[in-house]
Amino acid sequence: MSLYNLCIIGNPVHIISQEDSFVCYYPEKISFPITGHESALFIEDEKIYFESWVEEGWNGKNDCATDNYDLYYKVIVKDFSGNTLSEEVGDLYQAADGTWWIA
């Protein structure tokens, strides 16, 4: 068990860890690779909701932004096998009552 980024998310509760892969330890073992830009936010109805940041127009050779630079977020929904079910540009937010929305 990797204790790096160990956290509790979801309803019902899931114990997960994430870095180069998403790993769920409880209540069932789930594991699949993710990008370094993806981060699981919650699990509901056997779907895992990830937030991912996307950086376009970055010049890696010169380590600087180009004139076409853009940074934005996506919400990615995956099943327990790691298959992408949907992607949508936006960011997830949670209200005080626990509901989530994309903006």
C-alpha atoms as a PDB file:
ATOM      1  CA  MET A   1       0.000   0.000   0.000  1.00  0.00           C
ATOM      2  CA  SER A   2       1.325   3.396  -0.996  1.00  0.00           C
ATOM      3  CA  LEU A   3       0.709   6.008   1.665  1.00  0.00           C
ATOM      4  CA  TYR A   4       1.531   8.818  -0.762  1.00  0.00           C
ATOM      5  CA  ASN A   5      -1.614  10.879  -1.399  1.00  0.00           C
ATOM      6  CA  LEU A   6      -3.695   8.444   0.658  1.00  0.00           C
ATOM      7  CA  CYS A   7      -7.177   9.877   1.131  1.00  0.00           C
ATOM      8  CA  ILE A   8     -10.809   9.036   1.740  1.00  0.00           C
ATOM      9  CA  ILE A   9     -13.385  10.027  -0.900  1.00  0.00           C
ATOM     10  CA  GLY A  10     -16.783   8.991  -2.190  1.00  0.00           C
ATOM     11  CA  ASN A  11     -20.147   7.816  -1.044  1.00  0.00           C
ATOM     12  CA  PRO A  12     -19.850   5.113   0.186  1.00  0.00           C
ATOM     13  CA  VAL A  13     -16.333   5.696   1.516  1.00  0.00           C
ATOM     14  CA  HIS A  14     -13.364   4.669  -0.655  1.00  0.00           C
ATOM     15  CA  ILE A  15      -9.728   4.714   0.481  1.00  0.00           C
ATOM     16  CA  ILE A  16      -7.532   5.728  -2.446  1.00  0.00           C
ATOM     17  CA  SER A  17      -4.026   6.755  -3.415  1.00  0.00           C
ATOM     18  CA  GLN A  18      -3.011   8.491  -6.630  1.00  0.00           C
ATOM     19  CA  GLU A  19       0.170   9.528  -8.365  1.00  0.00           C
ATOM     20  CA  ASP A  20       0.994   7.775 -11.668  1.00  0.00           C
ATOM     21  CA  SER A  21      -1.945   5.450 -11.067  1.00  0.00           C
ATOM     22  CA  PHE A  22      -5.277   5.609  -9.361  1.00  0.00           C
ATOM     23  CA  VAL A  23      -5.476   2.895  -6.689  1.00  0.00           C
ATOM     24  CA  CYS A  24      -8.490   2.126  -4.532  1.00  0.00           C
ATOM     25  CA  TYR A  25      -7.774  -0.090  -1.521  1.00  0.00           C
ATOM     26  CA  TYR A  26     -11.218  -0.189   0.076  1.00  0.00           C
ATOM     27  CA  PRO A  27     -14.001  -1.306  -0.307  1.00  0.00           C
ATOM     28  CA  GLU A  28     -12.645  -3.027  -3.426  1.00  0.00           C
ATOM     29  CA  LYS A  29      -9.285  -3.133  -5.165  1.00  0.00           C
ATOM     30  CA  ILE A  30      -9.218  -0.888  -8.253  1.00  0.00           C
ATOM     31  CA  SER A  31      -6.105   0.205 -10.110  1.00  0.00           C
ATOM     32  CA  PHE A  32      -5.413   1.896 -13.443  1.00  0.00           C
ATOM     33  CA  PRO A  33      -2.903   4.436 -14.806  1.00  0.00           C
ATOM     34  CA  ILE A  34      -3.661   8.168 -14.815  1.00  0.00           C
ATOM     35  CA  THR A  35      -1.742  11.172 -16.097  1.00  0.00           C
ATOM     36  CA  GLY A  36       0.174  13.414 -13.741  1.00  0.00           C
ATOM     37  CA  HIS A  37      -2.447  16.083 -14.368  1.00  0.00           C
ATOM     38  CA  GLU A  38      -5.445  14.016 -13.188  1.00  0.00           C
ATOM     39  CA  SER A  39      -6.732  14.053  -9.639  1.00  0.00           C
ATOM     40  CA  ALA A  40      -9.723  12.077  -8.320  1.00  0.00           C
ATOM     41  CA  LEU A  41     -12.242  14.264  -6.511  1.00  0.00           C
ATOM     42  CA  PHE A  42     -15.107  11.912  -5.719  1.00  0.00           C
ATOM     43  CA  ILE A  43     -16.665   8.531  -6.454  1.00  0.00           C
ATOM     44  CA  GLU A  44     -20.388   8.044  -6.887  1.00  0.00           C
ATOM     45  CA  ASP A  45     -22.579   5.442  -8.639  1.00  0.00           C
ATOM     46  CA  GLU A  46     -19.489   3.400  -9.637  1.00  0.00           C
ATOM     47  CA  LYS A  47     -18.003   6.394 -11.465  1.00  0.00           C
ATOM     48  CA  ILE A  48     -14.802   8.214 -10.550  1.00  0.00           C
ATOM     49  CA  TYR A  49     -14.763  11.957 -11.176  1.00  0.00           C
ATOM     50  CA  PHE A  50     -11.345  13.408 -11.991  1.00  0.00           C
ATOM     51  CA  GLU A  51     -10.198  16.967 -12.447  1.00  0.00           C
ATOM     52  CA  SER A  52      -7.405  17.474 -14.975  1.00  0.00           C
ATOM     53  CA  TRP A  53      -5.525  20.600 -15.932  1.00  0.00           C
ATOM     54  CA  VAL A  54      -4.561  21.092 -19.565  1.00  0.00           C
ATOM     55  CA  GLU A  55      -1.740  23.336 -20.682  1.00  0.00           C
ATOM     56  CA  GLU A  56      -1.548  24.214 -24.375  1.00  0.00           C
ATOM     57  CA  GLY A  57       1.025  26.379 -26.102  1.00  0.00           C
ATOM     58  CA  TRP A  58       3.906  25.757 -23.703  1.00  0.00           C
ATOM     59  CA  ASN A  59       7.376  25.747 -25.259  1.00  0.00           C
ATOM     60  CA  GLY A  60       9.155  22.954 -23.387  1.00  0.00           C
ATOM     61  CA  LYS A  61      12.485  23.609 -25.094  1.00  0.00           C
ATOM     62  CA  ASN A  62      12.638  27.226 -23.888  1.00  0.00           C
ATOM     63  CA  ASP A  63      10.514  26.583 -20.775  1.00  0.00           C
ATOM     64  CA  CYS A  64       8.147  29.456 -21.502  1.00  0.00           C
ATOM     65  CA  ALA A  65       4.646  30.203 -22.726  1.00  0.00           C
ATOM     66  CA  THR A  66       4.023  30.930 -26.407  1.00  0.00           C
ATOM     67  CA  ASP A  67       1.598  33.537 -27.763  1.00  0.00           C
ATOM     68  CA  ASN A  68      -1.022  30.758 -27.980  1.00  0.00           C
ATOM     69  CA  TYR A  69      -0.662  29.662 -24.352  1.00  0.00           C
ATOM     70  CA  ASP A  70      -3.832  28.473 -22.621  1.00  0.00           C
ATOM     71  CA  LEU A  71      -4.455  26.757 -19.279  1.00  0.00           C
ATOM     72  CA  TYR A  72      -7.840  25.234 -18.502  1.00  0.00           C
ATOM     73  CA  TYR A  73      -9.467  22.420 -16.538  1.00  0.00           C
ATOM     74  CA  LYS A  74     -11.469  19.374 -17.588  1.00  0.00           C
ATOM     75  CA  VAL A  75     -13.752  17.057 -15.669  1.00  0.00           C
ATOM     76  CA  ILE A  76     -13.136  13.437 -16.676  1.00  0.00           C
ATOM     77  CA  VAL A  77     -15.486  10.658 -15.609  1.00  0.00           C
ATOM     78  CA  LYS A  78     -14.086   7.102 -15.616  1.00  0.00           C
ATOM     79  CA  ASP A  79     -15.452   3.695 -14.755  1.00  0.00           C
ATOM     80  CA  PHE A  80     -13.722   1.328 -12.332  1.00  0.00           C
ATOM     81  CA  SER A  81     -11.677  -0.167 -15.211  1.00  0.00           C
ATOM     82  CA  GLY A  82     -10.221   3.236 -16.079  1.00  0.00           C
ATOM     83  CA  ASN A  83     -12.275   3.697 -19.258  1.00  0.00           C
ATOM     84  CA  THR A  84     -13.182   7.318 -19.950  1.00  0.00           C
ATOM     85  CA  LEU A  85     -16.957   7.734 -19.962  1.00  0.00           C
ATOM     86  CA  SER A  86     -17.026  11.495 -20.544  1.00  0.00           C
ATOM     87  CA  GLU A  87     -14.877  14.630 -20.633  1.00  0.00           C
ATOM     88  CA  GLU A  88     -16.080  18.197 -20.239  1.00  0.00           C
ATOM     89  CA  VAL A  89     -14.196  21.484 -20.083  1.00  0.00           C
ATOM     90  CA  GLY A  90     -14.739  23.108 -16.707  1.00  0.00           C
ATOM     91  CA  ASP A  91     -13.943  22.790 -13.040  1.00  0.00           C
ATOM     92  CA  LEU A  92     -15.799  20.879 -10.300  1.00  0.00           C
ATOM     93  CA  TYR A  93     -17.060  22.735  -7.245  1.00  0.00           C
ATOM     94  CA  GLN A  94     -18.787  21.413  -4.119  1.00  0.00           C
ATOM     95  CA  ALA A  95     -21.560  23.292  -2.325  1.00  0.00           C
ATOM     96  CA  ALA A  96     -21.986  23.343   1.450  1.00  0.00           C
ATOM     97  CA  ASP A  97     -24.771  20.752   1.140  1.00  0.00           C
ATOM     98  CA  GLY A  98     -22.386  18.317  -0.602  1.00  0.00           C
ATOM     99  CA  THR A  99     -23.729  18.655  -4.151  1.00  0.00           C
ATOM    100  CA  TRP A 100     -21.253  19.128  -7.000  1.00  0.00           C
ATOM    101  CA  TRP A 101     -21.459  21.261 -10.130  1.00  0.00           C
ATOM    102  CA  ILE A 102     -19.267  22.057 -13.142  1.00  0.00           C
ATOM    103  CA  ALA A 103     -18.464  25.659 -14.008  1.00  0.00           C
END
